[in-house]
C-alpha atoms as a PDB file:
ATOM      1  CA  MET A   1      26.055  48.698  10.274  1.00  0.00           C
ATOM      2  CA  THR A   2      25.307  45.044   9.953  1.00  0.00           C
ATOM      3  CA  ARG A   3      21.898  43.470   9.839  1.00  0.00           C
ATOM      4  CA  SER A   4      21.174  40.441  11.933  1.00  0.00           C
ATOM      5  CA  THR A   5      19.807  37.605   9.891  1.00  0.00           C
ATOM      6  CA  LYS A   6      17.852  34.627  11.068  1.00  0.00           C
ATOM      7  CA  SER A   7      18.056  31.392   9.239  1.00  0.00           C
ATOM      8  CA  LYS A   8      14.720  30.182   7.984  1.00  0.00           C
ATOM      9  CA  GLY A   9      13.786  26.556   8.110  1.00  0.00           C
ATOM     10  CA  PRO A  10      12.218  24.656   5.237  1.00  0.00           C
ATOM     11  CA  ASN A  11       8.674  25.491   4.246  1.00  0.00           C
ATOM     12  CA  PRO A  12       6.056  23.348   5.971  1.00  0.00           C
ATOM     13  CA  ILE A  13       4.807  20.347   4.041  1.00  0.00           C
ATOM     14  CA  PRO A  14       1.533  21.388   2.373  1.00  0.00           C
ATOM     15  CA  SER A  15      -0.587  18.522   3.637  1.00  0.00           C
ATOM     16  CA  VAL A  16      -3.234  18.033   6.292  1.00  0.00           C
ATOM     17  CA  TRP A  17      -1.363  14.895   7.369  1.00  0.00           C
ATOM     18  CA  ALA A  18       1.783  16.883   8.179  1.00  0.00           C
ATOM     19  CA  ARG A  19       0.371  19.180  10.828  1.00  0.00           C
ATOM     20  CA  GLU A  20      -1.250  18.764  14.224  1.00  0.00           C
ATOM     21  CA  GLN A  21      -5.014  19.050  14.274  1.00  0.00           C
ATOM     22  CA  ARG A  22      -6.221  22.233  15.935  1.00  0.00           C
ATOM     23  CA  ARG A  23      -8.391  22.190  18.999  1.00  0.00           C
ATOM     24  CA  THR A  24     -11.741  23.904  18.742  1.00  0.00           C
ATOM     25  CA  ASP A  25     -14.399  25.296  21.017  1.00  0.00           C
ATOM     26  CA  GLN A  26     -17.157  23.980  18.716  1.00  0.00           C
ATOM     27  CA  PRO A  27     -17.506  20.288  19.562  1.00  0.00           C
ATOM     28  CA  ALA A  28     -20.705  19.991  17.496  1.00  0.00           C
ATOM     29  CA  LEU A  29     -18.770  20.823  14.332  1.00  0.00           C
ATOM     30  CA  SER A  30     -16.184  18.075  13.885  1.00  0.00           C
ATOM     31  CA  ARG A  31     -13.725  17.501  11.080  1.00  0.00           C
ATOM     32  CA  ASP A  32     -15.451  14.202  10.298  1.00  0.00           C
ATOM     33  CA  ALA A  33     -18.803  15.965   9.890  1.00  0.00           C
ATOM     34  CA  ILE A  34     -17.235  18.564   7.607  1.00  0.00           C
ATOM     35  CA  VAL A  35     -15.651  15.890   5.407  1.00  0.00           C
ATOM     36  CA  ARG A  36     -18.867  13.848   5.182  1.00  0.00           C
ATOM     37  CA  GLU A  37     -20.849  16.893   4.084  1.00  0.00           C
ATOM     38  CA  ALA A  38     -18.143  17.874   1.602  1.00  0.00           C
ATOM     39  CA  ILE A  39     -18.284  14.403   0.011  1.00  0.00           C
ATOM     40  CA  ALA A  40     -22.080  14.596  -0.248  1.00  0.00           C
ATOM     41  CA  MET A  41     -21.713  17.973  -1.931  1.00  0.00           C
ATOM     42  CA  LEU A  42     -19.021  16.721  -4.307  1.00  0.00           C
ATOM     43  CA  ASP A  43     -21.079  13.670  -5.273  1.00  0.00           C
ATOM     44  CA  ALA A  44     -24.204  15.708  -5.935  1.00  0.00           C
ATOM     45  CA  GLU A  45     -22.823  18.880  -7.486  1.00  0.00           C
ATOM     46  CA  GLY A  46     -19.214  18.289  -8.562  1.00  0.00           C
ATOM     47  CA  ILE A  47     -15.916  19.963  -7.769  1.00  0.00           C
ATOM     48  CA  GLU A  48     -16.897  23.350  -9.180  1.00  0.00           C
ATOM     49  CA  ALA A  49     -19.754  23.723  -6.690  1.00  0.00           C
ATOM     50  CA  LEU A  50     -17.672  23.080  -3.591  1.00  0.00           C
ATOM     51  CA  SER A  51     -16.518  26.105  -1.628  1.00  0.00           C
ATOM     52  CA  MET A  52     -15.858  26.661   2.046  1.00  0.00           C
ATOM     53  CA  ARG A  53     -18.615  29.307   2.102  1.00  0.00           C
ATOM     54  CA  LYS A  54     -21.260  26.990   0.623  1.00  0.00           C
ATOM     55  CA  LEU A  55     -20.129  24.110   2.786  1.00  0.00           C
ATOM     56  CA  GLY A  56     -20.366  26.286   5.872  1.00  0.00           C
ATOM     57  CA  ALA A  57     -23.919  27.296   4.936  1.00  0.00           C
ATOM     58  CA  ARG A  58     -24.945  23.621   4.590  1.00  0.00           C
ATOM     59  CA  LEU A  59     -23.497  22.948   8.045  1.00  0.00           C
ATOM     60  CA  ASN A  60     -25.049  26.096   9.560  1.00  0.00           C
ATOM     61  CA  ALA A  61     -21.569  27.405  10.276  1.00  0.00           C
ATOM     62  CA  GLY A  62     -19.457  30.186   8.872  1.00  0.00           C
ATOM     63  CA  ALA A  63     -16.426  29.540   6.690  1.00  0.00           C
ATOM     64  CA  THR A  64     -14.270  30.833   9.548  1.00  0.00           C
ATOM     65  CA  SER A  65     -15.563  28.039  11.778  1.00  0.00           C
ATOM     66  CA  LEU A  66     -14.611  25.473   9.118  1.00  0.00           C
ATOM     67  CA  TYR A  67     -11.080  26.840   8.901  1.00  0.00           C
ATOM     68  CA  ARG A  68     -10.583  25.989  12.573  1.00  0.00           C
ATOM     69  CA  HIS A  69     -10.841  22.326  11.553  1.00  0.00           C
ATOM     70  CA  VAL A  70      -9.523  22.384   7.970  1.00  0.00           C
ATOM     71  CA  ALA A  71      -6.960  25.033   7.060  1.00  0.00           C
ATOM     72  CA  THR A  72      -7.569  25.153   3.290  1.00  0.00           C
ATOM     73  CA  LYS A  73      -9.802  23.739   0.585  1.00  0.00           C
ATOM     74  CA  ASP A  74      -6.834  21.643  -0.583  1.00  0.00           C
ATOM     75  CA  GLU A  75      -6.723  20.020   2.844  1.00  0.00           C
ATOM     76  CA  LEU A  76     -10.444  19.355   2.616  1.00  0.00           C
ATOM     77  CA  MET A  77      -9.916  17.560  -0.702  1.00  0.00           C
ATOM     78  CA  GLU A  78      -7.116  15.478   0.818  1.00  0.00           C
ATOM     79  CA  LEU A  79      -9.469  14.402   3.588  1.00  0.00           C
ATOM     80  CA  ALA A  80     -12.298  13.647   1.150  1.00  0.00           C
ATOM     81  CA  VAL A  81     -10.042  11.475  -1.024  1.00  0.00           C
ATOM     82  CA  ASP A  82      -8.842   9.551   2.007  1.00  0.00           C
ATOM     83  CA  GLU A  83     -12.373   9.043   3.314  1.00  0.00           C
ATOM     84  CA  VAL A  84     -13.624   7.400   0.107  1.00  0.00           C
ATOM     85  CA  ALA A  85     -10.417   5.350  -0.188  1.00  0.00           C
ATOM     86  CA  ALA A  86     -11.796   3.302   2.705  1.00  0.00           C
ATOM     87  CA  GLU A  87     -14.481   2.004   0.321  1.00  0.00           C
ATOM     88  CA  ILE A  88     -11.967   0.266  -1.970  1.00  0.00           C
ATOM     89  CA  HIS A  89     -11.684  -3.471  -1.352  1.00  0.00           C
ATOM     90  CA  VAL A  90      -8.394  -5.313  -1.861  1.00  0.00           C
ATOM     91  CA  PRO A  91      -8.421  -9.117  -1.343  1.00  0.00           C
ATOM     92  CA  PRO A  92      -5.937 -10.600   1.138  1.00  0.00           C
ATOM     93  CA  ALA A  93      -2.491 -11.405  -0.199  1.00  0.00           C
ATOM     94  CA  GLY A  94      -1.510 -14.975  -0.933  1.00  0.00           C
ATOM     95  CA  ASP A  95      -4.329 -16.046  -3.244  1.00  0.00           C
ATOM     96  CA  PRO A  96      -2.723 -18.371  -5.815  1.00  0.00           C
ATOM     97  CA  ASP A  97      -4.934 -16.777  -8.497  1.00  0.00           C
ATOM     98  CA  TRP A  98      -3.296 -13.357  -8.343  1.00  0.00           C
ATOM     99  CA  ARG A  99      -5.039 -12.225 -11.522  1.00  0.00           C
ATOM    100  CA  ALA A 100      -8.482 -12.757  -9.980  1.00  0.00           C
ATOM    101  CA  ALA A 101      -7.420 -10.847  -6.859  1.00  0.00           C
ATOM    102  CA  VAL A 102      -6.014  -7.919  -8.846  1.00  0.00           C
ATOM    103  CA  THR A 103      -9.132  -7.877 -11.033  1.00  0.00           C
ATOM    104  CA  GLU A 104     -11.282  -7.672  -7.898  1.00  0.00           C
ATOM    105  CA  ALA A 105      -9.221  -4.779  -6.495  1.00  0.00           C
ATOM    106  CA  ALA A 106      -9.277  -2.933  -9.822  1.00  0.00           C
ATOM    107  CA  GLY A 107     -13.029  -3.421 -10.113  1.00  0.00           C
ATOM    108  CA  SER A 108     -13.570  -2.117  -6.593  1.00  0.00           C
ATOM    109  CA  PHE A 109     -11.513   0.991  -7.356  1.00  0.00           C
ATOM    110  CA  ARG A 110     -13.547   1.584 -10.517  1.00  0.00           C
ATOM    111  CA  THR A 111     -16.839   1.161  -8.651  1.00  0.00           C
ATOM    112  CA  THR A 112     -15.706   3.652  -6.013  1.00  0.00           C
ATOM    113  CA  ALA A 113     -14.549   6.126  -8.656  1.00  0.00           C
ATOM    114  CA  LEU A 114     -17.892   5.949 -10.471  1.00  0.00           C
ATOM    115  CA  ARG A 115     -19.757   6.373  -7.177  1.00  0.00           C
ATOM    116  CA  HIS A 116     -17.671   9.502  -6.536  1.00  0.00           C
ATOM    117  CA  PRO A 117     -17.024  10.951 -10.038  1.00  0.00           C
ATOM    118  CA  TRP A 118     -14.726  13.671  -8.691  1.00  0.00           C
ATOM    119  CA  LEU A 119     -12.262  11.195  -7.149  1.00  0.00           C
ATOM    120  CA  THR A 120      -9.972  10.507 -10.092  1.00  0.00           C
ATOM    121  CA  LEU A 121     -10.038  14.155 -11.167  1.00  0.00           C
ATOM    122  CA  VAL A 122      -8.531  15.322  -7.884  1.00  0.00           C
ATOM    123  CA  LEU A 123      -6.474  12.268  -6.918  1.00  0.00           C
ATOM    124  CA  GLY A 124      -3.339  13.664  -8.520  1.00  0.00           C
ATOM    125  CA  GLN A 125      -4.074  17.233  -7.461  1.00  0.00           C
ATOM    126  CA  ALA A 126      -5.200  16.900  -3.854  1.00  0.00           C
ATOM    127  CA  GLY A 127      -1.824  17.625  -2.309  1.00  0.00           C
ATOM    128  CA  LEU A 128      -0.368  14.626  -0.527  1.00  0.00           C
ATOM    129  CA  ALA A 129      -3.633  12.687  -0.308  1.00  0.00           C
ATOM    130  CA  TYR A 130      -1.772   9.393  -0.490  1.00  0.00           C
ATOM    131  CA  LEU A 131      -0.400  10.028   3.038  1.00  0.00           C
ATOM    132  CA  GLY A 132      -3.832   9.544   4.614  1.00  0.00           C
ATOM    133  CA  PRO A 133      -4.429   6.417   6.724  1.00  0.00           C
ATOM    134  CA  ASN A 134      -7.100   4.904   4.467  1.00  0.00           C
ATOM    135  CA  TYR A 135      -5.148   5.465   1.273  1.00  0.00           C
ATOM    136  CA  MET A 136      -1.990   4.157   2.947  1.00  0.00           C
ATOM    137  CA  SER A 137      -3.884   1.027   4.006  1.00  0.00           C
ATOM    138  CA  PHE A 138      -5.163   0.576   0.433  1.00  0.00           C
ATOM    139  CA  SER A 139      -1.608   0.954  -0.911  1.00  0.00           C
ATOM    140  CA  GLU A 140      -0.194  -1.429   1.689  1.00  0.00           C
ATOM    141  CA  ARG A 141      -2.727  -4.145   0.807  1.00  0.00           C
ATOM    142  CA  LEU A 142      -1.947  -3.719  -2.887  1.00  0.00           C
ATOM    143  CA  ALA A 143       1.784  -3.972  -2.206  1.00  0.00           C
ATOM    144  CA  ALA A 144       1.232  -7.155  -0.190  1.00  0.00           C
ATOM    145  CA  LEU A 145      -0.902  -8.629  -2.991  1.00  0.00           C
ATOM    146  CA  PHE A 146       1.627  -7.944  -5.750  1.00  0.00           C
ATOM    147  CA  THR A 147       4.578  -9.002  -3.593  1.00  0.00           C
ATOM    148  CA  ALA A 148       2.913 -12.323  -2.741  1.00  0.00           C
ATOM    149  CA  ALA A 149       2.210 -12.839  -6.456  1.00  0.00           C
ATOM    150  CA  GLY A 150       5.983 -12.821  -7.019  1.00  0.00           C
ATOM    151  CA  PHE A 151       6.568  -9.523  -8.808  1.00  0.00           C
ATOM    152  CA  PRO A 152      10.197  -8.451  -8.259  1.00  0.00           C
ATOM    153  CA  GLU A 153       9.161  -4.769  -8.527  1.00  0.00           C
ATOM    154  CA  PRO A 154       5.633  -4.695  -7.091  1.00  0.00           C
ATOM    155  CA  SER A 155       5.302  -0.893  -7.072  1.00  0.00           C
ATOM    156  CA  ARG A 156       5.876  -0.727 -10.835  1.00  0.00           C
ATOM    157  CA  ALA A 157       3.354  -3.482 -11.460  1.00  0.00           C
ATOM    158  CA  ILE A 158       0.830  -1.601  -9.316  1.00  0.00           C
ATOM    159  CA  ASP A 159       1.507   1.613 -11.261  1.00  0.00           C
ATOM    160  CA  ALA A 160       0.916  -0.205 -14.557  1.00  0.00           C
ATOM    161  CA  VAL A 161      -2.442  -1.612 -13.446  1.00  0.00           C
ATOM    162  CA  PHE A 162      -3.792   1.452 -11.705  1.00  0.00           C
ATOM    163  CA  SER A 163      -2.647   3.921 -14.333  1.00  0.00           C
ATOM    164  CA  TYR A 164      -4.989   2.019 -16.637  1.00  0.00           C
ATOM    165  CA  VAL A 165      -7.761   1.775 -14.019  1.00  0.00           C
ATOM    166  CA  ILE A 166      -7.597   5.470 -13.107  1.00  0.00           C
ATOM    167  CA  GLY A 167      -7.499   6.522 -16.771  1.00  0.00           C
ATOM    168  CA  MET A 168     -10.522   4.422 -17.714  1.00  0.00           C
ATOM    169  CA  SER A 169     -12.431   5.444 -14.589  1.00  0.00           C
ATOM    170  CA  THR A 170     -11.778   9.130 -15.276  1.00  0.00           C
ATOM    171  CA  THR A 171     -13.182   8.841 -18.801  1.00  0.00           C
ATOM    172  CA  GLU A 172     -16.161   6.812 -17.607  1.00  0.00           C
ATOM    173  CA  ALA A 173     -16.949   9.197 -14.764  1.00  0.00           C
ATOM    174  CA  ALA A 174     -16.877  12.164 -17.146  1.00  0.00           C
ATOM    175  CA  TRP A 175     -19.213  10.336 -19.535  1.00  0.00           C
ATOM    176  CA  LEU A 176     -21.678   9.425 -16.769  1.00  0.00           C
ATOM    177  CA  THR A 177     -21.606  13.003 -15.489  1.00  0.00           C
ATOM    178  CA  ALA A 178     -22.603  14.217 -18.970  1.00  0.00           C
ATOM    179  CA  VAL A 179     -25.393  11.621 -19.045  1.00  0.00           C
ATOM    180  CA  ALA A 180     -26.671  12.706 -15.612  1.00  0.00           C
ATOM    181  CA  ARG A 181     -26.746  16.348 -16.681  1.00  0.00           C
ATOM    182  CA  SER A 182     -28.884  15.432 -19.702  1.00  0.00           C
ATOM    183  CA  GLY A 183     -31.687  14.206 -17.456  1.00  0.00           C
ATOM    184  CA  GLU A 184     -31.977  11.037 -19.553  1.00  0.00           C
ATOM    185  CA  SER A 185     -31.055   7.436 -18.953  1.00  0.00           C
ATOM    186  CA  GLU A 186     -27.767   6.292 -20.453  1.00  0.00           C
ATOM    187  CA  SER A 187     -29.582   4.302 -23.159  1.00  0.00           C
ATOM    188  CA  GLU A 188     -31.738   7.298 -24.061  1.00  0.00           C
ATOM    189  CA  PHE A 189     -28.738   9.604 -24.192  1.00  0.00           C
ATOM    190  CA  VAL A 190     -26.794   7.224 -26.453  1.00  0.00           C
ATOM    191  CA  ALA A 191     -29.806   6.701 -28.740  1.00  0.00           C
ATOM    192  CA  ARG A 192     -30.169  10.445 -29.181  1.00  0.00           C
ATOM    193  CA  LEU A 193     -26.446  10.807 -29.833  1.00  0.00           C
ATOM    194  CA  LEU A 194     -26.211   7.959 -32.372  1.00  0.00           C
ATOM    195  CA  PRO A 195     -27.539   9.777 -35.481  1.00  0.00           C
ATOM    196  CA  THR A 196     -24.981  12.561 -35.066  1.00  0.00           C
ATOM    197  CA  ALA A 197     -22.172  10.055 -34.402  1.00  0.00           C
ATOM    198  CA  ARG A 198     -23.067   8.117 -37.548  1.00  0.00           C
ATOM    199  CA  GLN A 199     -23.188  11.273 -39.608  1.00  0.00           C
ATOM    200  CA  VAL A 200     -19.789  12.622 -38.552  1.00  0.00           C
ATOM    201  CA  SER A 201     -18.055   9.218 -38.855  1.00  0.00           C
ATOM    202  CA  ALA A 202     -19.406   8.502 -42.354  1.00  0.00           C
ATOM    203  CA  GLY A 203     -16.290   9.825 -44.038  1.00  0.00           C
ATOM    204  CA  TYR A 204     -13.910   7.743 -41.914  1.00  0.00           C
ATOM    205  CA  ASP A 205     -13.749   4.134 -43.059  1.00  0.00           C
ATOM    206  CA  HIS A 206     -12.317   2.585 -39.907  1.00  0.00           C
ATOM    207  CA  LEU A 207     -14.601   4.529 -37.598  1.00  0.00           C
ATOM    208  CA  ALA A 208     -17.630   3.631 -39.676  1.00  0.00           C
ATOM    209  CA  ALA A 209     -16.625  -0.027 -39.370  1.00  0.00           C
ATOM    210  CA  THR A 210     -17.241   0.164 -35.602  1.00  0.00           C
ATOM    211  CA  GLU A 211     -20.928   0.844 -36.207  1.00  0.00           C
ATOM    212  CA  ALA A 212     -21.918  -2.548 -34.769  1.00  0.00           C
ATOM    213  CA  GLU A 213     -20.245  -1.734 -31.451  1.00  0.00           C
ATOM    214  CA  THR A 214     -21.838   1.708 -31.380  1.00  0.00           C
ATOM    215  CA  SER A 215     -25.270   0.162 -31.929  1.00  0.00           C
ATOM    216  CA  ALA A 216     -24.584  -2.340 -29.140  1.00  0.00           C
ATOM    217  CA  GLN A 217     -23.807   0.559 -26.844  1.00  0.00           C
ATOM    218  CA  ALA A 218     -27.297   1.941 -27.398  1.00  0.00           C
ATOM    219  CA  ALA A 219     -28.845  -1.402 -26.459  1.00  0.00           C
ATOM    220  CA  ASP A 220     -26.883  -1.915 -23.240  1.00  0.00           C
ATOM    221  CA  PRO A 221     -24.329   0.858 -22.610  1.00  0.00           C
ATOM    222  CA  ALA A 222     -23.491  -0.229 -19.059  1.00  0.00           C
ATOM    223  CA  ARG A 223     -22.592  -3.751 -20.192  1.00  0.00           C
ATOM    224  CA  LEU A 224     -20.447  -2.403 -23.000  1.00  0.00           C
ATOM    225  CA  ARG A 225     -18.551  -0.205 -20.533  1.00  0.00           C
ATOM    226  CA  ASP A 226     -17.980  -3.240 -18.307  1.00  0.00           C
ATOM    227  CA  ASP A 227     -16.713  -5.271 -21.273  1.00  0.00           C
ATOM    228  CA  LYS A 228     -14.336  -2.525 -22.398  1.00  0.00           C
ATOM    229  CA  PHE A 229     -12.901  -2.159 -18.909  1.00  0.00           C
ATOM    230  CA  ALA A 230     -12.440  -5.916 -18.524  1.00  0.00           C
ATOM    231  CA  TYR A 231     -10.791  -6.226 -21.942  1.00  0.00           C
ATOM    232  CA  GLY A 232      -8.207  -3.534 -21.261  1.00  0.00           C
ATOM    233  CA  LEU A 233      -7.459  -4.885 -17.792  1.00  0.00           C
ATOM    234  CA  GLU A 234      -6.898  -8.371 -19.231  1.00  0.00           C
ATOM    235  CA  VAL A 235      -4.408  -6.932 -21.720  1.00  0.00           C
ATOM    236  CA  VAL A 236      -2.486  -5.198 -18.911  1.00  0.00           C
ATOM    237  CA  LEU A 237      -2.457  -8.362 -16.792  1.00  0.00           C
ATOM    238  CA  ASP A 238      -1.319 -10.445 -19.783  1.00  0.00           C
ATOM    239  CA  GLY A 239       1.672  -8.150 -20.127  1.00  0.00           C
ATOM    240  CA  LEU A 240       2.455  -8.243 -16.414  1.00  0.00           C
ATOM    241  CA  ALA A 241       2.299 -12.034 -16.346  1.00  0.00           C
ATOM    242  CA  LEU A 242       5.275 -12.070 -18.683  1.00  0.00           C
ATOM    243  CA  ARG A 243       7.277 -10.204 -16.028  1.00  0.00           C
ATOM    244  CA  LEU A 244       6.822 -12.879 -13.381  1.00  0.00           C
ATOM    245  CA  PRO A 245       9.859 -15.087 -12.794  1.00  0.00           C
ATOM    246  CA  GLN A 246       9.350 -18.495 -14.352  1.00  0.00           C
END
């Protein structure tokens, strides 16, 4: 006796962008409304607080109703990432001062990431978020900017810049989240932390030598964060400038 076998096709691509959107009999509950509320929840409470059940309660709808619009929480995160990607500004390509244009784009990404502290944490985990229309538009404008600047391998130059930007933004967002949870201003939080930092660094000569910078952070922590970000970005751009054809 032989068994009939049916060939199975490849597994579906696990992305909201790879499937057709389902129709629903609940016009008042749209996918856009779900994503907007999810972003508000993420901004206010963080990734850990987001669940389809809690989101449904905030929208006066059951989790089952949400699943008619968004199949999984991973899909919801893809949509949230793409929605906030629309906030990132990239200057038009062709500016002769490519460094100023890249600096502006990097700064806009950082501002967006600090406005939505969860963004960089999920960017590499939210499935195929980079296939969304807003993120694709952001990537296209970056590619045009770096291509017009004359980089022979624009995608690698972009990776170099935004690996730095995403790394710094992730650290900064985590720091600001800790500050927010303290209930204090950033200056107050740093001032309270300083005595402990001085005590534990006393036995480390090179760390103790950075005391002046640590004290400056207490006086104006936001400005120091800006300066650190700008310094590192300048170093990356200095290195990239050497890659441009003479």
